[in-house]
Amino acid sequence: MQARLEVFKTALAPKLVKHLVAAGRTLEGSELPATTRELVNIRASQINGCAGCLDMHTKDAAAAGETTVRLNLVACWREATVFTEAERAALELTEAGCRIADSAGVSDEVWEAAAKHYDDEQLLALTMQIALINAFNRLNVITRQPAGDYTPGQFAGH
């Protein structure tokens, strides 16, 4: 696949992306578990068809100790027994948050399921993680960024 735009060869990209990255770093300091953040990133990227983010987040999750079984089952989490109830609620909120146009938004039931497992600070972090990965997904999908050669931790320090 050929990228439509060499995003990081533009003068504007570093200025914009640094703010998205900074938001992600802020979320790293939240009480939302890192595992949950990566599951959210993976599921959103699957829904949005973002190969670049899938390449990055599956490799980073594996490097952080996530199991192959869980990584392989994120796409069908409802039928899988390897996710906690809290993770399942986060994945459900992720799906609803990615597919806002497909329904009447995020239902009260989906929100309440997440609220059973996460406090207000964690819910805000979860919501922002969903929004942030959607922003990255859209940047990559719209500009057709290729995937496959990401190295775990490649963007650490950026």
N, C-alpha and C. Protein backbone atom coordinates (compact mmCIF):
# COMPACT_ATOMS: atom_id res chain seq x y z
N MET A 1 0.84 -1.17 0.00
CA MET A 1 0.00 0.00 0.00
C MET A 1 0.89 1.24 0.00
N GLN A 2 0.49 2.22 -0.74
CA GLN A 2 1.22 3.48 -0.84
C GLN A 2 0.46 4.55 -0.05
N ALA A 3 1.16 5.26 0.80
CA ALA A 3 0.54 6.35 1.55
C ALA A 3 0.09 7.45 0.60
N ARG A 4 -1.06 8.04 0.89
CA ARG A 4 -1.54 9.17 0.10
C ARG A 4 -0.74 10.43 0.40
N LEU A 5 -0.24 10.49 1.61
CA LEU A 5 0.45 11.67 2.08
C LEU A 5 1.55 11.22 3.03
N GLU A 6 2.74 11.72 2.85
CA GLU A 6 3.83 11.44 3.76
C GLU A 6 3.68 12.40 4.95
N VAL A 7 2.83 12.02 5.87
CA VAL A 7 2.42 12.90 6.97
C VAL A 7 3.62 13.49 7.70
N PHE A 8 4.57 12.67 8.05
CA PHE A 8 5.68 13.14 8.88
C PHE A 8 6.77 13.86 8.10
N LYS A 9 6.54 14.05 6.81
CA LYS A 9 7.44 14.88 6.02
C LYS A 9 6.89 16.29 5.87
N THR A 10 5.74 16.54 6.48
CA THR A 10 5.16 17.88 6.44
C THR A 10 5.66 18.69 7.63
N ALA A 11 5.57 19.98 7.53
CA ALA A 11 5.96 20.86 8.64
C ALA A 11 4.91 20.87 9.74
N LEU A 12 3.67 20.63 9.38
CA LEU A 12 2.56 20.72 10.32
C LEU A 12 2.42 19.48 11.22
N ALA A 13 2.69 18.30 10.68
CA ALA A 13 2.47 17.06 11.43
C ALA A 13 3.15 17.02 12.79
N PRO A 14 4.43 17.30 12.88
CA PRO A 14 5.06 17.23 14.21
C PRO A 14 4.42 18.17 15.22
N LYS A 15 3.97 19.32 14.75
CA LYS A 15 3.33 20.28 15.65
C LYS A 15 1.99 19.76 16.16
N LEU A 16 1.25 19.09 15.30
CA LEU A 16 -0.06 18.56 15.68
C LEU A 16 0.06 17.27 16.49
N VAL A 17 0.85 16.34 15.98
CA VAL A 17 0.95 15.02 16.59
C VAL A 17 1.53 15.09 17.99
N LYS A 18 2.42 16.06 18.25
CA LYS A 18 3.00 16.16 19.59
C LYS A 18 1.91 16.38 20.64
N HIS A 19 0.84 17.07 20.28
CA HIS A 19 -0.25 17.30 21.23
C HIS A 19 -1.06 16.02 21.45
N LEU A 20 -1.28 15.25 20.40
CA LEU A 20 -1.96 13.97 20.56
C LEU A 20 -1.12 13.02 21.42
N VAL A 21 0.16 12.99 21.15
CA VAL A 21 1.07 12.15 21.94
C VAL A 21 1.08 12.61 23.40
N ALA A 22 1.10 13.91 23.62
CA ALA A 22 1.09 14.44 24.99
C ALA A 22 -0.20 14.03 25.71
N ALA A 23 -1.31 14.04 25.00
CA ALA A 23 -2.57 13.58 25.60
C ALA A 23 -2.47 12.11 25.99
N GLY A 24 -1.87 11.31 25.11
CA GLY A 24 -1.66 9.90 25.42
C GLY A 24 -0.77 9.70 26.63
N ARG A 25 0.25 10.50 26.75
CA ARG A 25 1.14 10.40 27.92
C ARG A 25 0.40 10.76 29.20
N THR A 26 -0.49 11.73 29.12
CA THR A 26 -1.31 12.09 30.28
C THR A 26 -2.16 10.89 30.70
N LEU A 27 -2.72 10.19 29.73
CA LEU A 27 -3.53 9.02 30.03
C LEU A 27 -2.69 7.90 30.63
N GLU A 28 -1.43 7.81 30.25
CA GLU A 28 -0.54 6.81 30.85
C GLU A 28 -0.42 7.02 32.34
N GLY A 29 -0.55 8.25 32.80
CA GLY A 29 -0.46 8.57 34.21
C GLY A 29 -1.77 8.42 34.96
N SER A 30 -2.82 8.02 34.25
CA SER A 30 -4.13 7.86 34.90
C SER A 30 -4.20 6.51 35.60
N GLU A 31 -5.28 6.31 36.32
CA GLU A 31 -5.48 5.04 37.03
C GLU A 31 -6.18 3.99 36.17
N LEU A 32 -6.44 4.32 34.91
CA LEU A 32 -6.98 3.33 33.99
C LEU A 32 -5.85 2.36 33.66
N PRO A 33 -6.05 1.06 33.88
CA PRO A 33 -4.96 0.11 33.66
C PRO A 33 -4.40 0.15 32.24
N ALA A 34 -3.10 0.01 32.14
CA ALA A 34 -2.42 0.02 30.84
C ALA A 34 -2.97 -1.07 29.93
N THR A 35 -3.27 -2.22 30.49
CA THR A 35 -3.83 -3.32 29.70
C THR A 35 -5.14 -2.90 29.07
N THR A 36 -5.98 -2.24 29.84
CA THR A 36 -7.27 -1.79 29.33
C THR A 36 -7.07 -0.76 28.22
N ARG A 37 -6.13 0.16 28.41
CA ARG A 37 -5.86 1.16 27.37
C ARG A 37 -5.45 0.48 26.07
N GLU A 38 -4.61 -0.53 26.15
CA GLU A 38 -4.18 -1.21 24.92
C GLU A 38 -5.31 -2.01 24.29
N LEU A 39 -6.15 -2.65 25.10
CA LEU A 39 -7.29 -3.37 24.54
C LEU A 39 -8.21 -2.41 23.80
N VAL A 40 -8.43 -1.23 24.39
CA VAL A 40 -9.25 -0.20 23.75
C VAL A 40 -8.61 0.22 22.42
N ASN A 41 -7.31 0.46 22.43
CA ASN A 41 -6.61 0.87 21.21
C ASN A 41 -6.74 -0.19 20.12
N ILE A 42 -6.61 -1.44 20.50
CA ILE A 42 -6.69 -2.53 19.53
C ILE A 42 -8.10 -2.66 18.98
N ARG A 43 -9.10 -2.68 19.87
CA ARG A 43 -10.48 -2.86 19.39
C ARG A 43 -10.92 -1.70 18.52
N ALA A 44 -10.63 -0.47 18.92
CA ALA A 44 -11.00 0.68 18.10
C ALA A 44 -10.31 0.60 16.73
N SER A 45 -9.06 0.23 16.73
CA SER A 45 -8.31 0.15 15.47
C SER A 45 -8.85 -0.95 14.57
N GLN A 46 -9.33 -2.05 15.15
CA GLN A 46 -9.98 -3.09 14.36
C GLN A 46 -11.25 -2.54 13.72
N ILE A 47 -12.08 -1.90 14.51
CA ILE A 47 -13.34 -1.35 14.01
C ILE A 47 -13.08 -0.34 12.90
N ASN A 48 -12.09 0.52 13.10
CA ASN A 48 -11.81 1.60 12.16
C ASN A 48 -10.92 1.18 11.00
N GLY A 49 -10.46 -0.06 11.00
CA GLY A 49 -9.63 -0.55 9.90
C GLY A 49 -8.28 0.12 9.81
N CYS A 50 -7.69 0.44 10.97
CA CYS A 50 -6.40 1.13 10.99
C CYS A 50 -5.27 0.13 11.20
N ALA A 51 -4.64 -0.25 10.11
CA ALA A 51 -3.56 -1.23 10.18
C ALA A 51 -2.35 -0.69 10.94
N GLY A 52 -2.05 0.58 10.77
CA GLY A 52 -0.89 1.17 11.45
C GLY A 52 -1.03 1.10 12.96
N CYS A 53 -2.19 1.48 13.46
CA CYS A 53 -2.40 1.43 14.92
C CYS A 53 -2.49 -0.01 15.41
N LEU A 54 -3.08 -0.90 14.63
CA LEU A 54 -3.11 -2.31 15.03
C LEU A 54 -1.70 -2.88 15.11
N ASP A 55 -0.89 -2.55 14.13
CA ASP A 55 0.50 -3.01 14.13
C ASP A 55 1.20 -2.53 15.40
N MET A 56 1.06 -1.25 15.70
CA MET A 56 1.72 -0.67 16.86
C MET A 56 1.20 -1.24 18.17
N HIS A 57 -0.10 -1.21 18.36
CA HIS A 57 -0.65 -1.54 19.67
C HIS A 57 -0.64 -3.04 19.97
N THR A 58 -0.76 -3.89 18.97
CA THR A 58 -0.63 -5.33 19.25
C THR A 58 0.81 -5.68 19.60
N LYS A 59 1.75 -5.07 18.90
CA LYS A 59 3.17 -5.34 19.18
C LYS A 59 3.58 -4.77 20.54
N ASP A 60 3.12 -3.56 20.85
CA ASP A 60 3.45 -2.97 22.15
C ASP A 60 2.81 -3.78 23.28
N ALA A 61 1.57 -4.23 23.08
CA ALA A 61 0.90 -5.03 24.11
C ALA A 61 1.63 -6.35 24.33
N ALA A 62 2.04 -7.00 23.25
CA ALA A 62 2.78 -8.26 23.37
C ALA A 62 4.11 -8.03 24.08
N ALA A 63 4.79 -6.95 23.73
CA ALA A 63 6.07 -6.65 24.37
C ALA A 63 5.90 -6.36 25.86
N ALA A 64 4.71 -5.86 26.24
CA ALA A 64 4.42 -5.58 27.65
C ALA A 64 3.92 -6.81 28.40
N GLY A 65 3.82 -7.96 27.69
CA GLY A 65 3.44 -9.20 28.35
C GLY A 65 2.04 -9.70 28.07
N GLU A 66 1.31 -9.01 27.20
CA GLU A 66 -0.04 -9.48 26.87
C GLU A 66 0.07 -10.81 26.13
N THR A 67 -0.87 -11.71 26.39
CA THR A 67 -0.81 -13.04 25.78
C THR A 67 -1.35 -13.02 24.35
N THR A 68 -0.83 -13.94 23.56
CA THR A 68 -1.29 -14.11 22.19
C THR A 68 -2.76 -14.46 22.15
N VAL A 69 -3.21 -15.27 23.07
CA VAL A 69 -4.61 -15.68 23.11
C VAL A 69 -5.50 -14.45 23.25
N ARG A 70 -5.21 -13.60 24.21
CA ARG A 70 -6.04 -12.41 24.41
C ARG A 70 -5.96 -11.47 23.21
N LEU A 71 -4.77 -11.27 22.66
CA LEU A 71 -4.64 -10.40 21.49
C LEU A 71 -5.45 -10.94 20.32
N ASN A 72 -5.42 -12.24 20.13
CA ASN A 72 -6.15 -12.85 19.02
C ASN A 72 -7.67 -12.82 19.22
N LEU A 73 -8.12 -12.69 20.45
CA LEU A 73 -9.56 -12.74 20.72
C LEU A 73 -10.22 -11.39 20.94
N VAL A 74 -9.46 -10.31 20.84
CA VAL A 74 -10.06 -8.98 21.05
C VAL A 74 -11.23 -8.75 20.09
N ALA A 75 -11.08 -9.15 18.85
CA ALA A 75 -12.13 -8.91 17.85
C ALA A 75 -13.44 -9.61 18.18
N CYS A 76 -13.37 -10.71 18.93
CA CYS A 76 -14.58 -11.45 19.29
C CYS A 76 -14.69 -11.57 20.81
N TRP A 77 -14.44 -10.49 21.50
CA TRP A 77 -14.37 -10.47 22.95
C TRP A 77 -15.66 -10.97 23.61
N ARG A 78 -16.80 -10.78 22.99
CA ARG A 78 -18.07 -11.21 23.60
C ARG A 78 -18.12 -12.72 23.81
N GLU A 79 -17.51 -13.45 22.90
CA GLU A 79 -17.53 -14.91 22.97
C GLU A 79 -16.32 -15.48 23.71
N ALA A 80 -15.38 -14.64 24.05
CA ALA A 80 -14.14 -15.10 24.68
C ALA A 80 -14.26 -15.05 26.20
N THR A 81 -13.60 -15.97 26.86
CA THR A 81 -13.64 -16.05 28.33
C THR A 81 -12.40 -15.47 28.98
N VAL A 82 -11.52 -14.86 28.20
CA VAL A 82 -10.22 -14.44 28.71
C VAL A 82 -10.17 -12.97 29.17
N PHE A 83 -11.29 -12.28 29.11
CA PHE A 83 -11.33 -10.87 29.52
C PHE A 83 -12.12 -10.72 30.80
N THR A 84 -11.67 -9.81 31.65
CA THR A 84 -12.39 -9.53 32.89
C THR A 84 -13.69 -8.80 32.58
N GLU A 85 -14.58 -8.74 33.55
CA GLU A 85 -15.83 -8.00 33.36
C GLU A 85 -15.54 -6.52 33.12
N ALA A 86 -14.56 -5.96 33.80
CA ALA A 86 -14.19 -4.57 33.59
C ALA A 86 -13.67 -4.36 32.16
N GLU A 87 -12.82 -5.25 31.68
CA GLU A 87 -12.30 -5.14 30.32
C GLU A 87 -13.43 -5.26 29.30
N ARG A 88 -14.36 -6.16 29.57
CA ARG A 88 -15.50 -6.34 28.66
C ARG A 88 -16.33 -5.06 28.59
N ALA A 89 -16.53 -4.42 29.73
CA ALA A 89 -17.29 -3.16 29.76
C ALA A 89 -16.54 -2.08 28.98
N ALA A 90 -15.23 -2.04 29.11
CA ALA A 90 -14.41 -1.06 28.37
C ALA A 90 -14.47 -1.34 26.87
N LEU A 91 -14.42 -2.60 26.49
CA LEU A 91 -14.51 -2.95 25.07
C LEU A 91 -15.88 -2.60 24.50
N GLU A 92 -16.91 -2.81 25.29
CA GLU A 92 -18.26 -2.45 24.83
C GLU A 92 -18.40 -0.95 24.66
N LEU A 93 -17.86 -0.17 25.60
CA LEU A 93 -17.89 1.28 25.49
C LEU A 93 -17.06 1.73 24.28
N THR A 94 -15.96 1.07 24.04
CA THR A 94 -15.13 1.39 22.87
C THR A 94 -15.92 1.20 21.59
N GLU A 95 -16.59 0.07 21.46
CA GLU A 95 -17.38 -0.18 20.26
C GLU A 95 -18.46 0.87 20.07
N ALA A 96 -19.16 1.18 21.14
CA ALA A 96 -20.22 2.19 21.06
C ALA A 96 -19.65 3.55 20.71
N GLY A 97 -18.51 3.88 21.30
CA GLY A 97 -17.87 5.16 21.05
C GLY A 97 -17.30 5.30 19.65
N CYS A 98 -16.94 4.18 19.04
CA CYS A 98 -16.43 4.21 17.66
C CYS A 98 -17.56 4.23 16.64
N ARG A 99 -18.69 3.70 17.02
CA ARG A 99 -19.81 3.54 16.07
C ARG A 99 -20.97 4.47 16.39
N ILE A 100 -20.66 5.66 16.82
CA ILE A 100 -21.70 6.62 17.21
C ILE A 100 -22.73 6.82 16.11
N ALA A 101 -22.32 6.92 14.88
CA ALA A 101 -23.23 7.17 13.77
C ALA A 101 -24.12 5.97 13.45
N ASP A 102 -23.75 4.79 13.92
CA ASP A 102 -24.51 3.58 13.63
C ASP A 102 -25.70 3.38 14.56
N SER A 103 -25.82 4.19 15.56
CA SER A 103 -26.91 4.03 16.53
C SER A 103 -27.28 5.40 17.08
N ALA A 104 -27.92 5.39 18.20
CA ALA A 104 -28.32 6.66 18.84
C ALA A 104 -27.24 7.12 19.80
N GLY A 105 -26.02 6.81 19.52
CA GLY A 105 -24.92 7.20 20.40
C GLY A 105 -24.59 6.08 21.38
N VAL A 106 -24.01 6.45 22.50
CA VAL A 106 -23.66 5.48 23.54
C VAL A 106 -24.85 5.36 24.47
N SER A 107 -25.39 4.16 24.58
CA SER A 107 -26.59 3.96 25.40
C SER A 107 -26.28 4.09 26.89
N ASP A 108 -27.32 4.37 27.65
CA ASP A 108 -27.17 4.42 29.11
C ASP A 108 -26.71 3.08 29.65
N GLU A 109 -27.16 2.00 29.05
CA GLU A 109 -26.79 0.66 29.52
C GLU A 109 -25.29 0.42 29.36
N VAL A 110 -24.75 0.84 28.23
CA VAL A 110 -23.32 0.66 27.98
C VAL A 110 -22.52 1.51 28.96
N TRP A 111 -22.95 2.75 29.16
CA TRP A 111 -22.25 3.63 30.10
C TRP A 111 -22.32 3.08 31.52
N GLU A 112 -23.50 2.64 31.94
CA GLU A 112 -23.68 2.12 33.29
C GLU A 112 -22.85 0.86 33.53
N ALA A 113 -22.72 0.04 32.50
CA ALA A 113 -21.88 -1.16 32.63
C ALA A 113 -20.43 -0.76 32.91
N ALA A 114 -19.96 0.26 32.21
CA ALA A 114 -18.58 0.73 32.45
C ALA A 114 -18.47 1.38 33.82
N ALA A 115 -19.48 2.12 34.21
CA ALA A 115 -19.46 2.83 35.50
C ALA A 115 -19.46 1.87 36.69
N LYS A 116 -19.86 0.63 36.47
CA LYS A 116 -19.81 -0.37 37.54
C LYS A 116 -18.36 -0.76 37.88
N HIS A 117 -17.48 -0.56 36.94
CA HIS A 117 -16.10 -1.02 37.09
C HIS A 117 -15.07 0.09 37.20
N TYR A 118 -15.45 1.29 36.79
CA TYR A 118 -14.50 2.40 36.76
C TYR A 118 -15.08 3.61 37.47
N ASP A 119 -14.22 4.32 38.22
CA ASP A 119 -14.67 5.54 38.88
C ASP A 119 -14.66 6.69 37.86
N ASP A 120 -15.04 7.88 38.29
CA ASP A 120 -15.16 9.01 37.37
C ASP A 120 -13.85 9.34 36.66
N GLU A 121 -12.74 9.32 37.39
CA GLU A 121 -11.44 9.60 36.77
C GLU A 121 -11.11 8.56 35.71
N GLN A 122 -11.36 7.31 36.03
CA GLN A 122 -11.08 6.23 35.08
C GLN A 122 -12.03 6.30 33.88
N LEU A 123 -13.29 6.65 34.13
CA LEU A 123 -14.24 6.79 33.02
C LEU A 123 -13.82 7.91 32.08
N LEU A 124 -13.34 9.01 32.64
CA LEU A 124 -12.85 10.09 31.78
C LEU A 124 -11.64 9.62 30.99
N ALA A 125 -10.71 8.93 31.65
CA ALA A 125 -9.53 8.41 30.95
C ALA A 125 -9.93 7.43 29.86
N LEU A 126 -10.88 6.57 30.15
CA LEU A 126 -11.37 5.60 29.17
C LEU A 126 -12.00 6.31 27.97
N THR A 127 -12.83 7.29 28.25
CA THR A 127 -13.49 8.05 27.19
C THR A 127 -12.45 8.79 26.34
N MET A 128 -11.47 9.40 26.98
CA MET A 128 -10.43 10.11 26.24
C MET A 128 -9.55 9.15 25.45
N GLN A 129 -9.30 7.95 25.98
CA GLN A 129 -8.51 6.96 25.24
C GLN A 129 -9.24 6.57 23.97
N ILE A 130 -10.54 6.38 24.07
CA ILE A 130 -11.35 6.04 22.89
C ILE A 130 -11.28 7.19 21.88
N ALA A 131 -11.44 8.42 22.35
CA ALA A 131 -11.39 9.58 21.45
C ALA A 131 -10.02 9.72 20.80
N LEU A 132 -8.98 9.55 21.58
CA LEU A 132 -7.62 9.72 21.08
C LEU A 132 -7.26 8.67 20.03
N ILE A 133 -7.58 7.41 20.29
CA ILE A 133 -7.24 6.39 19.31
C ILE A 133 -8.07 6.58 18.04
N ASN A 134 -9.29 7.07 18.18
CA ASN A 134 -10.09 7.37 16.99
C ASN A 134 -9.43 8.47 16.16
N ALA A 135 -8.85 9.47 16.81
CA ALA A 135 -8.16 10.53 16.07
C ALA A 135 -6.97 9.96 15.30
N PHE A 136 -6.16 9.14 15.98
CA PHE A 136 -5.02 8.53 15.29
C PHE A 136 -5.49 7.60 14.17
N ASN A 137 -6.52 6.82 14.43
CA ASN A 137 -7.04 5.92 13.40
C ASN A 137 -7.46 6.69 12.16
N ARG A 138 -8.17 7.77 12.37
CA ARG A 138 -8.65 8.53 11.23
C ARG A 138 -7.51 9.18 10.45
N LEU A 139 -6.53 9.70 11.14
CA LEU A 139 -5.36 10.26 10.47
C LEU A 139 -4.71 9.20 9.58
N ASN A 140 -4.49 8.02 10.15
CA ASN A 140 -3.82 6.95 9.41
C ASN A 140 -4.66 6.40 8.27
N VAL A 141 -5.96 6.20 8.49
CA VAL A 141 -6.82 5.61 7.46
C VAL A 141 -7.03 6.60 6.31
N ILE A 142 -7.30 7.85 6.63
CA ILE A 142 -7.55 8.84 5.58
C ILE A 142 -6.32 9.02 4.69
N THR A 143 -5.15 9.00 5.29
CA THR A 143 -3.92 9.20 4.51
C THR A 143 -3.28 7.89 4.06
N ARG A 144 -3.94 6.77 4.36
CA ARG A 144 -3.48 5.42 3.97
C ARG A 144 -2.06 5.12 4.41
N GLN A 145 -1.82 5.25 5.70
CA GLN A 145 -0.49 4.94 6.23
C GLN A 145 -0.29 3.43 6.24
N PRO A 146 0.79 2.94 5.65
CA PRO A 146 1.04 1.50 5.61
C PRO A 146 1.45 0.97 6.99
N ALA A 147 1.36 -0.33 7.14
CA ALA A 147 1.69 -0.97 8.42
C ALA A 147 2.52 -2.21 8.19
N GLY A 148 3.13 -2.66 9.28
CA GLY A 148 3.84 -3.92 9.24
C GLY A 148 5.27 -3.86 9.73
N ASP A 149 5.87 -2.69 9.73
CA ASP A 149 7.28 -2.64 10.12
C ASP A 149 7.51 -1.87 11.42
N TYR A 150 6.46 -1.74 12.22
CA TYR A 150 6.61 -1.08 13.52
C TYR A 150 7.42 -1.98 14.45
N THR A 151 8.30 -1.36 15.24
CA THR A 151 9.10 -2.04 16.25
C THR A 151 8.58 -1.62 17.62
N PRO A 152 8.30 -2.57 18.53
CA PRO A 152 7.78 -2.17 19.85
C PRO A 152 8.61 -1.08 20.50
N GLY A 153 7.92 -0.07 21.00
CA GLY A 153 8.58 1.04 21.67
C GLY A 153 9.18 2.07 20.71
N GLN A 154 8.93 1.92 19.44
CA GLN A 154 9.54 2.77 18.42
C GLN A 154 9.32 4.26 18.67
N PHE A 155 8.16 4.61 19.20
CA PHE A 155 7.85 6.02 19.40
C PHE A 155 8.05 6.48 20.83
N ALA A 156 8.67 5.66 21.66
CA ALA A 156 8.96 6.06 23.05
C ALA A 156 9.86 7.28 23.02
N GLY A 157 9.53 8.24 23.83
CA GLY A 157 10.33 9.46 23.89
C GLY A 157 9.90 10.51 22.89
N HIS A 158 8.92 10.19 22.02
CA HIS A 158 8.42 11.18 21.04
C HIS A 158 7.26 11.93 21.62
